[in-house]
Amino acid sequence: MVNRTSEPRIFYLMGLGNKFPNLGDQAQAAAIPLWFKKHFSMPVIEVKNYEIYQCLPLLKKHIKDNDIVFLHSGGNFGDDWYQTQLDRELIITGLSNNKIVQLPQTIFYSQTESGQSALKMSQQVIQAHPALLLFGRDFQSTALARQVFETTKIHSKPDMVLSLQDFVKDNLPLDNSFNRGGFKKILLILRNDKEGIYNAEVKQEISKSLTNLGYEATIWDTDVHDVFPDKKKLSTIVKYLKFIASFDAVVTDRYHGLIFSVLVKKPCVVMKTHNHKLTSAFDWFDGVNFTKRADTFEDIKTALTDLQKLTEYLAPNWNEKYFDLMAEEVKFFLKHEGLNK
């Protein structure tokens, strides 16, 4: 029996604490509440990722059947960051009477014995839930989800940080003039965690090679030592967007390195990581003319040369093309699918 003694609420679970260091994840945590505000009139209650174990028993006791659960987006669905996946599955198992929306995630399970064991557990948990909508963050993740979660409703949308496009336009004056003398300052946004495939020596070789070509190269990563209070999260992110915008171009193996470059309209060369997180997601950027893929230094060199020839930087309206539609897909799911019709 559905309890409708009060209006439904949104429970946004697995959000981030203010000291979580990853700038891309913090940008998602800033974008999602803005998306809620734009598309849903329900009050939002947030439970942070580090609060799940403590709060889940109380949540299970007090949540009503018509409340809607949204799970944080990102790149941690699978066995790469397995504790987070276990938290996610704990929530899905514990809230079987509520509709759950998994916001866009990269989905990846390694071919190791432990990775395939984790996948089997995920299949059991996710397919057992009667009303779960899952968004893949790239086409390969979406295809995998449709293959292994056969009874689950699956859609595909890009990373939600792209929905900050209008906010960035309004709050970060951008100098999109073209440097007729060519690129000078190149920012290398390269991973320092286990998902990166370039060690410190390779990074230095790339930097040195760019220097030898006449560029000024700076190595950086989006894992930053900073504080991101909820009320100042957006302004803190803008600070780093201004830093990225101070360069002429970006070379990155970070998905959010690419996204931040697109938001501030800086040419970007994209390298690979150990999984499909970035290479598959690159398909979303077909309408962006100032991004290019590269697997070798020669590819980087050629890409930078080509990008310097552009006289206009083009990108789609991400909200009109994807995130407004995403809200309609969620609303359809809430109205027509599974529980609480």
C-alpha atoms as a PDB file:
ATOM      1  CA  MET A   1       0.000   0.000   0.000  1.00  0.00           C
ATOM      2  CA  VAL A   2       1.431   3.372  -1.021  1.00  0.00           C
ATOM      3  CA  ASN A   3       1.600   5.917   1.749  1.00  0.00           C
ATOM      4  CA  ARG A   4       0.418   9.236   0.329  1.00  0.00           C
ATOM      5  CA  THR A   5      -0.108  11.077   3.581  1.00  0.00           C
ATOM      6  CA  SER A   6       2.317  13.748   2.381  1.00  0.00           C
ATOM      7  CA  GLU A   7       3.681  15.098  -0.861  1.00  0.00           C
ATOM      8  CA  PRO A   8       6.596  13.128  -2.323  1.00  0.00           C
ATOM      9  CA  ARG A   9      10.144  14.203  -1.601  1.00  0.00           C
ATOM     10  CA  ILE A  10      13.428  13.671  -3.421  1.00  0.00           C
ATOM     11  CA  PHE A  11      16.134  11.860  -1.474  1.00  0.00           C
ATOM     12  CA  TYR A  12      19.475  12.586  -3.132  1.00  0.00           C
ATOM     13  CA  LEU A  13      21.861   9.938  -1.805  1.00  0.00           C
ATOM     14  CA  MET A  14      25.627   9.441  -2.041  1.00  0.00           C
ATOM     15  CA  GLY A  15      26.396  13.139  -2.514  1.00  0.00           C
ATOM     16  CA  LEU A  16      29.814  14.421  -1.498  1.00  0.00           C
ATOM     17  CA  GLY A  17      31.248  15.894   1.661  1.00  0.00           C
ATOM     18  CA  ASN A  18      32.940  19.269   1.484  1.00  0.00           C
ATOM     19  CA  LYS A  19      36.467  17.840   1.616  1.00  0.00           C
ATOM     20  CA  PHE A  20      36.122  15.214  -1.096  1.00  0.00           C
ATOM     21  CA  PRO A  21      39.081  16.184  -3.319  1.00  0.00           C
ATOM     22  CA  ASN A  22      37.897  15.331  -6.838  1.00  0.00           C
ATOM     23  CA  LEU A  23      36.891  18.472  -8.704  1.00  0.00           C
ATOM     24  CA  GLY A  24      34.857  16.590 -11.307  1.00  0.00           C
ATOM     25  CA  ASP A  25      32.783  14.802  -8.683  1.00  0.00           C
ATOM     26  CA  GLN A  26      32.256  18.057  -6.797  1.00  0.00           C
ATOM     27  CA  ALA A  27      31.079  19.705 -10.013  1.00  0.00           C
ATOM     28  CA  GLN A  28      28.498  16.937 -10.404  1.00  0.00           C
ATOM     29  CA  ALA A  29      27.394  17.511  -6.819  1.00  0.00           C
ATOM     30  CA  ALA A  30      26.905  21.175  -7.731  1.00  0.00           C
ATOM     31  CA  ALA A  31      25.093  20.477 -11.004  1.00  0.00           C
ATOM     32  CA  ILE A  32      22.571  17.946  -9.724  1.00  0.00           C
ATOM     33  CA  PRO A  33      20.748  20.244  -7.247  1.00  0.00           C
ATOM     34  CA  LEU A  34      20.435  22.888  -9.985  1.00  0.00           C
ATOM     35  CA  TRP A  35      18.897  20.257 -12.255  1.00  0.00           C
ATOM     36  CA  PHE A  36      16.466  19.231  -9.502  1.00  0.00           C
ATOM     37  CA  LYS A  37      15.469  22.858  -8.970  1.00  0.00           C
ATOM     38  CA  LYS A  38      14.868  23.413 -12.674  1.00  0.00           C
ATOM     39  CA  HIS A  39      12.747  20.338 -13.298  1.00  0.00           C
ATOM     40  CA  PHE A  40      11.143  19.145 -10.037  1.00  0.00           C
ATOM     41  CA  SER A  41       9.042  20.987  -7.471  1.00  0.00           C
ATOM     42  CA  MET A  42       9.608  18.434  -4.701  1.00  0.00           C
ATOM     43  CA  PRO A  43      11.734  19.240  -1.646  1.00  0.00           C
ATOM     44  CA  VAL A  44      15.199  17.675  -1.732  1.00  0.00           C
ATOM     45  CA  ILE A  45      16.817  15.875   1.194  1.00  0.00           C
ATOM     46  CA  GLU A  46      20.495  15.004   0.711  1.00  0.00           C
ATOM     47  CA  VAL A  47      22.454  12.256   2.433  1.00  0.00           C
ATOM     48  CA  LYS A  48      26.208  12.364   1.809  1.00  0.00           C
ATOM     49  CA  ASN A  49      28.246   9.326   0.820  1.00  0.00           C
ATOM     50  CA  TYR A  50      29.979   9.111   4.200  1.00  0.00           C
ATOM     51  CA  GLU A  51      26.610   9.259   6.009  1.00  0.00           C
ATOM     52  CA  ILE A  52      25.012   6.254   4.316  1.00  0.00           C
ATOM     53  CA  TYR A  53      25.832   3.586   6.893  1.00  0.00           C
ATOM     54  CA  GLN A  54      24.768   5.811   9.767  1.00  0.00           C
ATOM     55  CA  CYS A  55      21.623   7.183   8.144  1.00  0.00           C
ATOM     56  CA  LEU A  56      20.271   4.257   6.134  1.00  0.00           C
ATOM     57  CA  PRO A  57      18.450   2.587   9.083  1.00  0.00           C
ATOM     58  CA  LEU A  58      16.730   5.897   9.898  1.00  0.00           C
ATOM     59  CA  LEU A  59      16.039   6.507   6.227  1.00  0.00           C
ATOM     60  CA  LYS A  60      14.401   3.088   5.839  1.00  0.00           C
ATOM     61  CA  LYS A  61      12.240   3.851   8.857  1.00  0.00           C
ATOM     62  CA  HIS A  62      11.058   7.313   7.839  1.00  0.00           C
ATOM     63  CA  ILE A  63      11.035   7.326   4.029  1.00  0.00           C
ATOM     64  CA  LYS A  64       7.559   7.107   2.495  1.00  0.00           C
ATOM     65  CA  ASP A  65       6.651   4.896  -0.419  1.00  0.00           C
ATOM     66  CA  ASN A  66       6.021   7.838  -2.718  1.00  0.00           C
ATOM     67  CA  ASP A  67       9.399   9.459  -2.004  1.00  0.00           C
ATOM     68  CA  ILE A  68      11.863   9.262  -4.903  1.00  0.00           C
ATOM     69  CA  VAL A  69      15.500   8.217  -4.487  1.00  0.00           C
ATOM     70  CA  PHE A  70      18.224   9.630  -6.737  1.00  0.00           C
ATOM     71  CA  LEU A  71      21.766   8.228  -6.580  1.00  0.00           C
ATOM     72  CA  HIS A  72      24.791  10.428  -7.296  1.00  0.00           C
ATOM     73  CA  SER A  73      26.318  10.323 -10.768  1.00  0.00           C
ATOM     74  CA  GLY A  74      29.922   9.649 -11.733  1.00  0.00           C
ATOM     75  CA  GLY A  75      32.386   6.945 -12.690  1.00  0.00           C
ATOM     76  CA  ASN A  76      32.261   4.524  -9.761  1.00  0.00           C
ATOM     77  CA  PHE A  77      29.687   1.926 -10.850  1.00  0.00           C
ATOM     78  CA  GLY A  78      31.494  -1.425 -10.898  1.00  0.00           C
ATOM     79  CA  ASP A  79      34.584  -2.834  -9.248  1.00  0.00           C
ATOM     80  CA  ASP A  80      37.081   0.010  -9.747  1.00  0.00           C
ATOM     81  CA  TRP A  81      35.765   1.770  -6.623  1.00  0.00           C
ATOM     82  CA  TYR A  82      34.076  -1.215  -5.073  1.00  0.00           C
ATOM     83  CA  GLN A  83      33.201   0.170  -1.650  1.00  0.00           C
ATOM     84  CA  THR A  84      31.105   2.832  -3.345  1.00  0.00           C
ATOM     85  CA  GLN A  85      29.392   0.130  -5.402  1.00  0.00           C
ATOM     86  CA  LEU A  86      28.643  -1.811  -2.211  1.00  0.00           C
ATOM     87  CA  ASP A  87      27.103   1.338  -0.689  1.00  0.00           C
ATOM     88  CA  ARG A  88      24.965   1.742  -3.803  1.00  0.00           C
ATOM     89  CA  GLU A  89      23.747  -1.837  -3.634  1.00  0.00           C
ATOM     90  CA  LEU A  90      23.040  -1.517   0.078  1.00  0.00           C
ATOM     91  CA  ILE A  91      20.722   1.393  -0.705  1.00  0.00           C
ATOM     92  CA  ILE A  92      19.012  -0.408  -3.596  1.00  0.00           C
ATOM     93  CA  THR A  93      18.410  -3.483  -1.457  1.00  0.00           C
ATOM     94  CA  GLY A  94      17.237  -1.494   1.554  1.00  0.00           C
ATOM     95  CA  LEU A  95      14.811   0.777  -0.315  1.00  0.00           C
ATOM     96  CA  SER A  96      12.867  -1.785  -2.334  1.00  0.00           C
ATOM     97  CA  ASN A  97       9.557   0.103  -1.866  1.00  0.00           C
ATOM     98  CA  ASN A  98      10.818   3.290  -3.504  1.00  0.00           C
ATOM     99  CA  LYS A  99      11.464   4.237  -7.077  1.00  0.00           C
ATOM    100  CA  ILE A 100      15.199   4.752  -7.584  1.00  0.00           C
ATOM    101  CA  VAL A 101      16.936   6.769 -10.302  1.00  0.00           C
ATOM    102  CA  GLN A 102      20.632   6.162 -10.829  1.00  0.00           C
ATOM    103  CA  LEU A 103      21.973   9.370 -12.381  1.00  0.00           C
ATOM    104  CA  PRO A 104      24.505   8.960 -15.235  1.00  0.00           C
ATOM    105  CA  GLN A 105      27.300   6.547 -14.373  1.00  0.00           C
ATOM    106  CA  THR A 106      30.223   4.946 -16.163  1.00  0.00           C
ATOM    107  CA  ILE A 107      29.737   1.193 -15.679  1.00  0.00           C
ATOM    108  CA  PHE A 108      32.834  -0.988 -15.724  1.00  0.00           C
ATOM    109  CA  TYR A 109      33.626  -4.426 -14.316  1.00  0.00           C
ATOM    110  CA  SER A 110      37.104  -5.813 -14.855  1.00  0.00           C
ATOM    111  CA  GLN A 111      37.612  -9.258 -16.375  1.00  0.00           C
ATOM    112  CA  THR A 112      39.286 -10.458 -13.186  1.00  0.00           C
ATOM    113  CA  GLU A 113      37.692 -13.125 -11.001  1.00  0.00           C
ATOM    114  CA  SER A 114      36.809 -10.510  -8.386  1.00  0.00           C
ATOM    115  CA  GLY A 115      35.401  -8.166 -11.037  1.00  0.00           C
ATOM    116  CA  GLN A 116      33.125 -10.827 -12.483  1.00  0.00           C
ATOM    117  CA  SER A 117      32.047 -11.882  -8.995  1.00  0.00           C
ATOM    118  CA  ALA A 118      31.142  -8.258  -8.263  1.00  0.00           C
ATOM    119  CA  LEU A 119      29.156  -8.135 -11.510  1.00  0.00           C
ATOM    120  CA  LYS A 120      27.109 -11.209 -10.540  1.00  0.00           C
ATOM    121  CA  MET A 121      26.281  -9.616  -7.187  1.00  0.00           C
ATOM    122  CA  SER A 122      25.260  -6.388  -8.905  1.00  0.00           C
ATOM    123  CA  GLN A 123      23.012  -8.312 -11.285  1.00  0.00           C
ATOM    124  CA  GLN A 124      21.199  -9.954  -8.382  1.00  0.00           C
ATOM    125  CA  VAL A 125      20.719  -6.707  -6.475  1.00  0.00           C
ATOM    126  CA  ILE A 126      19.717  -4.455  -9.358  1.00  0.00           C
ATOM    127  CA  GLN A 127      17.398  -6.866 -11.156  1.00  0.00           C
ATOM    128  CA  ALA A 128      15.646  -7.670  -7.877  1.00  0.00           C
ATOM    129  CA  HIS A 129      14.537  -4.050  -7.475  1.00  0.00           C
ATOM    130  CA  PRO A 130      11.069  -3.570  -9.005  1.00  0.00           C
ATOM    131  CA  ALA A 131      11.430   0.096 -10.032  1.00  0.00           C
ATOM    132  CA  LEU A 132      14.936   1.268 -10.882  1.00  0.00           C
ATOM    133  CA  LEU A 133      15.887   3.611 -13.726  1.00  0.00           C
ATOM    134  CA  LEU A 134      19.588   3.639 -14.640  1.00  0.00           C
ATOM    135  CA  PHE A 135      21.372   6.148 -16.872  1.00  0.00           C
ATOM    136  CA  GLY A 136      24.636   5.069 -18.498  1.00  0.00           C
ATOM    137  CA  ARG A 137      27.117   7.938 -18.840  1.00  0.00           C
ATOM    138  CA  ASP A 138      28.464   6.691 -22.173  1.00  0.00           C
ATOM    139  CA  PHE A 139      27.240   4.359 -24.889  1.00  0.00           C
ATOM    140  CA  GLN A 140      29.466   1.439 -23.895  1.00  0.00           C
ATOM    141  CA  SER A 141      28.258   1.634 -20.283  1.00  0.00           C
ATOM    142  CA  THR A 142      24.675   1.783 -21.512  1.00  0.00           C
ATOM    143  CA  ALA A 143      25.154  -1.240 -23.767  1.00  0.00           C
ATOM    144  CA  LEU A 144      26.726  -3.193 -20.902  1.00  0.00           C
ATOM    145  CA  ALA A 145      23.886  -2.244 -18.548  1.00  0.00           C
ATOM    146  CA  ARG A 146      21.257  -3.390 -21.061  1.00  0.00           C
ATOM    147  CA  GLN A 147      23.114  -6.668 -21.454  1.00  0.00           C
ATOM    148  CA  VAL A 148      23.584  -7.521 -17.778  1.00  0.00           C
ATOM    149  CA  PHE A 149      20.582  -5.788 -16.148  1.00  0.00           C
ATOM    150  CA  GLU A 150      17.929  -7.132 -18.489  1.00  0.00           C
ATOM    151  CA  THR A 151      14.901  -6.272 -16.332  1.00  0.00           C
ATOM    152  CA  THR A 152      16.025  -2.714 -15.535  1.00  0.00           C
ATOM    153  CA  LYS A 153      14.979   0.434 -17.371  1.00  0.00           C
ATOM    154  CA  ILE A 154      18.116   1.853 -19.044  1.00  0.00           C
ATOM    155  CA  HIS A 155      18.735   5.216 -20.738  1.00  0.00           C
ATOM    156  CA  SER A 156      21.928   7.034 -21.745  1.00  0.00           C
ATOM    157  CA  LYS A 157      22.951  10.628 -20.997  1.00  0.00           C
ATOM    158  CA  PRO A 158      26.269  12.483 -20.782  1.00  0.00           C
ATOM    159  CA  ASP A 159      27.927  13.667 -17.599  1.00  0.00           C
ATOM    160  CA  MET A 160      25.741  16.120 -15.682  1.00  0.00           C
ATOM    161  CA  VAL A 161      28.530  18.679 -15.276  1.00  0.00           C
ATOM    162  CA  LEU A 162      27.729  19.679 -18.859  1.00  0.00           C
ATOM    163  CA  SER A 163      24.383  20.970 -17.557  1.00  0.00           C
ATOM    164  CA  LEU A 164      26.371  23.789 -15.891  1.00  0.00           C
ATOM    165  CA  GLN A 165      26.817  25.375 -19.331  1.00  0.00           C
ATOM    166  CA  ASP A 166      24.334  28.210 -18.670  1.00  0.00           C
ATOM    167  CA  PHE A 167      25.716  28.822 -15.182  1.00  0.00           C
ATOM    168  CA  VAL A 168      29.249  29.103 -16.576  1.00  0.00           C
ATOM    169  CA  LYS A 169      28.106  31.557 -19.251  1.00  0.00           C
ATOM    170  CA  ASP A 170      26.457  33.732 -16.594  1.00  0.00           C
ATOM    171  CA  ASN A 171      29.189  33.566 -13.967  1.00  0.00           C
ATOM    172  CA  LEU A 172      32.485  33.212 -15.814  1.00  0.00           C
ATOM    173  CA  PRO A 173      33.222  35.863 -18.433  1.00  0.00           C
ATOM    174  CA  LEU A 174      35.192  34.009 -21.071  1.00  0.00           C
ATOM    175  CA  ASP A 175      37.723  35.426 -23.489  1.00  0.00           C
ATOM    176  CA  ASN A 176      37.143  33.273 -26.547  1.00  0.00           C
ATOM    177  CA  SER A 177      39.274  35.410 -28.818  1.00  0.00           C
ATOM    178  CA  PHE A 178      41.699  33.436 -30.925  1.00  0.00           C
ATOM    179  CA  ASN A 179      45.409  33.738 -30.405  1.00  0.00           C
ATOM    180  CA  ARG A 180      46.579  34.467 -33.914  1.00  0.00           C
ATOM    181  CA  GLY A 181      50.110  33.709 -32.856  1.00  0.00           C
ATOM    182  CA  GLY A 182      49.090  30.128 -31.999  1.00  0.00           C
ATOM    183  CA  PHE A 183      48.869  28.324 -28.686  1.00  0.00           C
ATOM    184  CA  LYS A 184      51.444  29.191 -26.058  1.00  0.00           C
ATOM    185  CA  LYS A 185      50.252  27.790 -22.717  1.00  0.00           C
ATOM    186  CA  ILE A 186      49.146  24.138 -22.589  1.00  0.00           C
ATOM    187  CA  LEU A 187      47.573  22.600 -19.479  1.00  0.00           C
ATOM    188  CA  LEU A 188      48.177  18.863 -19.046  1.00  0.00           C
ATOM    189  CA  ILE A 189      45.318  17.550 -16.865  1.00  0.00           C
ATOM    190  CA  LEU A 190      46.551  14.005 -16.204  1.00  0.00           C
ATOM    191  CA  ARG A 191      45.271  11.450 -13.702  1.00  0.00           C
ATOM    192  CA  ASN A 192      47.250  10.644 -10.559  1.00  0.00           C
ATOM    193  CA  ASP A 193      45.016   7.729  -9.490  1.00  0.00           C
ATOM    194  CA  LYS A 194      44.713   4.049 -10.443  1.00  0.00           C
ATOM    195  CA  GLU A 195      42.614   4.806 -13.532  1.00  0.00           C
ATOM    196  CA  GLY A 196      45.490   6.629 -15.218  1.00  0.00           C
ATOM    197  CA  ILE A 197      47.895   4.741 -17.497  1.00  0.00           C
ATOM    198  CA  TYR A 198      50.620   7.392 -17.748  1.00  0.00           C
ATOM    199  CA  ASN A 199      53.265   7.327 -15.021  1.00  0.00           C
ATOM    200  CA  ALA A 200      55.227  10.356 -13.831  1.00  0.00           C
ATOM    201  CA  GLU A 201      58.040   9.691 -16.296  1.00  0.00           C
ATOM    202  CA  VAL A 202      55.682   9.587 -19.288  1.00  0.00           C
ATOM    203  CA  LYS A 203      53.956  12.768 -18.134  1.00  0.00           C
ATOM    204  CA  GLN A 204      57.293  14.544 -17.916  1.00  0.00           C
ATOM    205  CA  GLU A 205      58.232  13.275 -21.377  1.00  0.00           C
ATOM    206  CA  ILE A 206      55.012  14.713 -22.808  1.00  0.00           C
ATOM    207  CA  SER A 207      55.634  18.009 -21.047  1.00  0.00           C
ATOM    208  CA  LYS A 208      59.255  18.163 -22.232  1.00  0.00           C
ATOM    209  CA  SER A 209      58.272  17.304 -25.800  1.00  0.00           C
ATOM    210  CA  LEU A 210      55.688  20.088 -25.821  1.00  0.00           C
ATOM    211  CA  THR A 211      58.290  22.486 -24.431  1.00  0.00           C
ATOM    212  CA  ASN A 212      60.664  21.502 -27.223  1.00  0.00           C
ATOM    213  CA  LEU A 213      57.919  22.440 -29.697  1.00  0.00           C
ATOM    214  CA  GLY A 214      57.725  25.919 -28.186  1.00  0.00           C
ATOM    215  CA  TYR A 215      54.772  25.463 -25.845  1.00  0.00           C
ATOM    216  CA  GLU A 216      54.715  26.312 -22.145  1.00  0.00           C
ATOM    217  CA  ALA A 217      53.373  23.101 -20.539  1.00  0.00           C
ATOM    218  CA  THR A 218      51.965  22.778 -17.023  1.00  0.00           C
ATOM    219  CA  ILE A 219      51.091  19.403 -15.443  1.00  0.00           C
ATOM    220  CA  TRP A 220      48.024  19.416 -13.178  1.00  0.00           C
ATOM    221  CA  ASP A 221      45.250  17.117 -11.974  1.00  0.00           C
ATOM    222  CA  THR A 222      41.679  17.655 -10.818  1.00  0.00           C
ATOM    223  CA  ASP A 223      42.279  16.013  -7.435  1.00  0.00           C
ATOM    224  CA  VAL A 224      42.709  19.222  -5.465  1.00  0.00           C
ATOM    225  CA  HIS A 225      43.272  20.075  -1.824  1.00  0.00           C
ATOM    226  CA  ASP A 226      40.363  22.390  -1.171  1.00  0.00           C
ATOM    227  CA  VAL A 227      37.065  22.685   0.669  1.00  0.00           C
ATOM    228  CA  PHE A 228      33.719  22.634  -1.175  1.00  0.00           C
ATOM    229  CA  PRO A 229      30.963  23.786   1.225  1.00  0.00           C
ATOM    230  CA  ASP A 230      27.476  23.234  -0.190  1.00  0.00           C
ATOM    231  CA  LYS A 231      26.707  26.962  -0.223  1.00  0.00           C
ATOM    232  CA  LYS A 232      30.040  27.817  -1.885  1.00  0.00           C
ATOM    233  CA  LYS A 233      30.506  24.742  -4.056  1.00  0.00           C
ATOM    234  CA  LEU A 234      29.733  26.518  -7.307  1.00  0.00           C
ATOM    235  CA  SER A 235      31.930  29.529  -6.563  1.00  0.00           C
ATOM    236  CA  THR A 236      34.798  27.199  -5.622  1.00  0.00           C
ATOM    237  CA  ILE A 237      34.422  25.334  -8.902  1.00  0.00           C
ATOM    238  CA  VAL A 238      34.392  28.609 -10.832  1.00  0.00           C
ATOM    239  CA  LYS A 239      37.795  29.395  -9.312  1.00  0.00           C
ATOM    240  CA  TYR A 240      39.246  26.313 -10.996  1.00  0.00           C
ATOM    241  CA  LEU A 241      37.399  26.928 -14.244  1.00  0.00           C
ATOM    242  CA  LYS A 242      39.077  30.331 -14.380  1.00  0.00           C
ATOM    243  CA  PHE A 243      42.433  28.594 -13.918  1.00  0.00           C
ATOM    244  CA  ILE A 244      41.732  26.219 -16.813  1.00  0.00           C
ATOM    245  CA  ALA A 245      40.483  29.111 -18.941  1.00  0.00           C
ATOM    246  CA  SER A 246      43.813  30.905 -18.453  1.00  0.00           C
ATOM    247  CA  PHE A 247      45.488  28.380 -20.794  1.00  0.00           C
ATOM    248  CA  ASP A 248      45.291  28.264 -24.577  1.00  0.00           C
ATOM    249  CA  ALA A 249      44.565  24.531 -24.798  1.00  0.00           C
ATOM    250  CA  VAL A 250      44.259  21.376 -22.682  1.00  0.00           C
ATOM    251  CA  VAL A 251      45.628  17.856 -23.033  1.00  0.00           C
ATOM    252  CA  THR A 252      43.891  15.405 -20.701  1.00  0.00           C
ATOM    253  CA  ASP A 253      43.040  11.820 -19.766  1.00  0.00           C
ATOM    254  CA  ARG A 254      40.363  13.084 -17.347  1.00  0.00           C
ATOM    255  CA  TYR A 255      36.719  12.979 -18.437  1.00  0.00           C
ATOM    256  CA  HIS A 256      36.122  16.178 -16.496  1.00  0.00           C
ATOM    257  CA  GLY A 257      39.286  17.671 -17.932  1.00  0.00           C
ATOM    258  CA  LEU A 258      37.503  17.371 -21.267  1.00  0.00           C
ATOM    259  CA  ILE A 259      34.200  18.656 -19.861  1.00  0.00           C
ATOM    260  CA  PHE A 260      35.752  21.651 -18.105  1.00  0.00           C
ATOM    261  CA  SER A 261      37.604  22.534 -21.322  1.00  0.00           C
ATOM    262  CA  VAL A 262      34.359  22.397 -23.281  1.00  0.00           C
ATOM    263  CA  LEU A 263      32.533  24.533 -20.711  1.00  0.00           C
ATOM    264  CA  VAL A 264      35.191  27.268 -20.879  1.00  0.00           C
ATOM    265  CA  LYS A 265      35.657  26.763 -24.642  1.00  0.00           C
ATOM    266  CA  LYS A 266      39.317  25.824 -24.671  1.00  0.00           C
ATOM    267  CA  PRO A 267      40.618  23.405 -27.335  1.00  0.00           C
ATOM    268  CA  CYS A 268      41.169  19.972 -25.840  1.00  0.00           C
ATOM    269  CA  VAL A 269      43.163  16.880 -26.812  1.00  0.00           C
ATOM    270  CA  VAL A 270      41.809  13.711 -25.192  1.00  0.00           C
ATOM    271  CA  MET A 271      43.962  10.722 -24.227  1.00  0.00           C
ATOM    272  CA  LYS A 272      42.798   7.315 -23.018  1.00  0.00           C
ATOM    273  CA  THR A 273      42.471   5.763 -19.552  1.00  0.00           C
ATOM    274  CA  HIS A 274      42.503   2.087 -18.561  1.00  0.00           C
ATOM    275  CA  ASN A 275      38.771   1.688 -19.212  1.00  0.00           C
ATOM    276  CA  HIS A 276      36.128   3.140 -21.546  1.00  0.00           C
ATOM    277  CA  LYS A 277      35.184   5.997 -19.201  1.00  0.00           C
ATOM    278  CA  LEU A 278      36.605   8.661 -21.501  1.00  0.00           C
ATOM    279  CA  THR A 279      37.056   7.037 -24.898  1.00  0.00           C
ATOM    280  CA  SER A 280      33.433   5.874 -25.130  1.00  0.00           C
ATOM    281  CA  ALA A 281      32.108   9.096 -23.598  1.00  0.00           C
ATOM    282  CA  PHE A 282      33.956  11.047 -26.301  1.00  0.00           C
ATOM    283  CA  ASP A 283      31.098  10.127 -28.647  1.00  0.00           C
ATOM    284  CA  TRP A 284      28.929  12.739 -26.911  1.00  0.00           C
ATOM    285  CA  PHE A 285      31.233  15.462 -28.242  1.00  0.00           C
ATOM    286  CA  ASP A 286      30.687  14.956 -31.965  1.00  0.00           C
ATOM    287  CA  GLY A 287      29.056  18.403 -32.057  1.00  0.00           C
ATOM    288  CA  VAL A 288      32.113  20.054 -30.483  1.00  0.00           C
ATOM    289  CA  ASN A 289      34.652  21.100 -33.098  1.00  0.00           C
ATOM    290  CA  PHE A 290      37.480  21.989 -30.698  1.00  0.00           C
ATOM    291  CA  THR A 291      38.184  18.516 -29.245  1.00  0.00           C
ATOM    292  CA  LYS A 292      40.350  15.737 -30.703  1.00  0.00           C
ATOM    293  CA  ARG A 293      41.462  12.255 -29.653  1.00  0.00           C
ATOM    294  CA  ALA A 294      45.121  11.253 -29.351  1.00  0.00           C
ATOM    295  CA  ASP A 295      46.879   8.003 -28.424  1.00  0.00           C
ATOM    296  CA  THR A 296      50.523   8.977 -29.073  1.00  0.00           C
ATOM    297  CA  PHE A 297      52.610  12.095 -28.758  1.00  0.00           C
ATOM    298  CA  GLU A 298      52.571  12.469 -32.538  1.00  0.00           C
ATOM    299  CA  ASP A 299      48.773  12.434 -32.310  1.00  0.00           C
ATOM    300  CA  ILE A 300      48.907  15.173 -29.668  1.00  0.00           C
ATOM    301  CA  LYS A 301      51.236  17.262 -31.812  1.00  0.00           C
ATOM    302  CA  THR A 302      48.996  16.885 -34.878  1.00  0.00           C
ATOM    303  CA  ALA A 303      45.837  17.599 -32.880  1.00  0.00           C
ATOM    304  CA  LEU A 304      47.239  20.818 -31.417  1.00  0.00           C
ATOM    305  CA  THR A 305      48.343  21.941 -34.869  1.00  0.00           C
ATOM    306  CA  ASP A 306      44.869  21.288 -36.285  1.00  0.00           C
ATOM    307  CA  LEU A 307      43.054  22.944 -33.371  1.00  0.00           C
ATOM    308  CA  GLN A 308      45.086  26.122 -33.828  1.00  0.00           C
ATOM    309  CA  LYS A 309      43.577  26.510 -37.289  1.00  0.00           C
ATOM    310  CA  LEU A 310      40.020  26.925 -35.971  1.00  0.00           C
ATOM    311  CA  THR A 311      38.354  30.304 -36.306  1.00  0.00           C
ATOM    312  CA  GLU A 312      35.207  29.401 -34.337  1.00  0.00           C
ATOM    313  CA  TYR A 313      34.494  27.141 -31.378  1.00  0.00           C
ATOM    314  CA  LEU A 314      31.182  25.285 -31.668  1.00  0.00           C
ATOM    315  CA  ALA A 315      29.308  23.268 -29.016  1.00  0.00           C
ATOM    316  CA  PRO A 316      25.674  22.199 -28.582  1.00  0.00           C
ATOM    317  CA  ASN A 317      23.249  23.468 -25.963  1.00  0.00           C
ATOM    318  CA  TRP A 318      23.687  20.557 -23.573  1.00  0.00           C
ATOM    319  CA  ASN A 319      20.538  21.210 -21.565  1.00  0.00           C
ATOM    320  CA  GLU A 320      18.242  21.480 -24.569  1.00  0.00           C
ATOM    321  CA  LYS A 321      19.797  18.448 -26.234  1.00  0.00           C
ATOM    322  CA  TYR A 322      20.119  16.113 -23.246  1.00  0.00           C
ATOM    323  CA  PHE A 323      19.265  17.183 -19.720  1.00  0.00           C
ATOM    324  CA  ASP A 324      15.799  18.627 -20.322  1.00  0.00           C
ATOM    325  CA  LEU A 325      14.967  15.363 -22.077  1.00  0.00           C
ATOM    326  CA  MET A 326      16.484  13.434 -19.178  1.00  0.00           C
ATOM    327  CA  ALA A 327      14.053  15.120 -16.797  1.00  0.00           C
ATOM    328  CA  GLU A 328      11.135  14.109 -19.020  1.00  0.00           C
ATOM    329  CA  GLU A 329      12.380  10.509 -19.079  1.00  0.00           C
ATOM    330  CA  VAL A 330      12.537  10.504 -15.288  1.00  0.00           C
ATOM    331  CA  LYS A 331       9.037  11.955 -15.000  1.00  0.00           C
ATOM    332  CA  PHE A 332       7.680   9.319 -17.381  1.00  0.00           C
ATOM    333  CA  PHE A 333       9.344   6.615 -15.300  1.00  0.00           C
ATOM    334  CA  LEU A 334       7.904   8.022 -12.077  1.00  0.00           C
ATOM    335  CA  LYS A 335       4.425   8.125 -13.549  1.00  0.00           C
ATOM    336  CA  HIS A 336       4.250   4.949 -15.601  1.00  0.00           C
ATOM    337  CA  GLU A 337       6.851   2.400 -14.493  1.00  0.00           C
ATOM    338  CA  GLY A 338       6.936  -0.084 -11.636  1.00  0.00           C
ATOM    339  CA  LEU A 339       5.865   1.015  -8.150  1.00  0.00           C
ATOM    340  CA  ASN A 340       3.562   3.869  -7.192  1.00  0.00           C
ATOM    341  CA  LYS A 341       1.974   4.362 -10.617  1.00  0.00           C
END
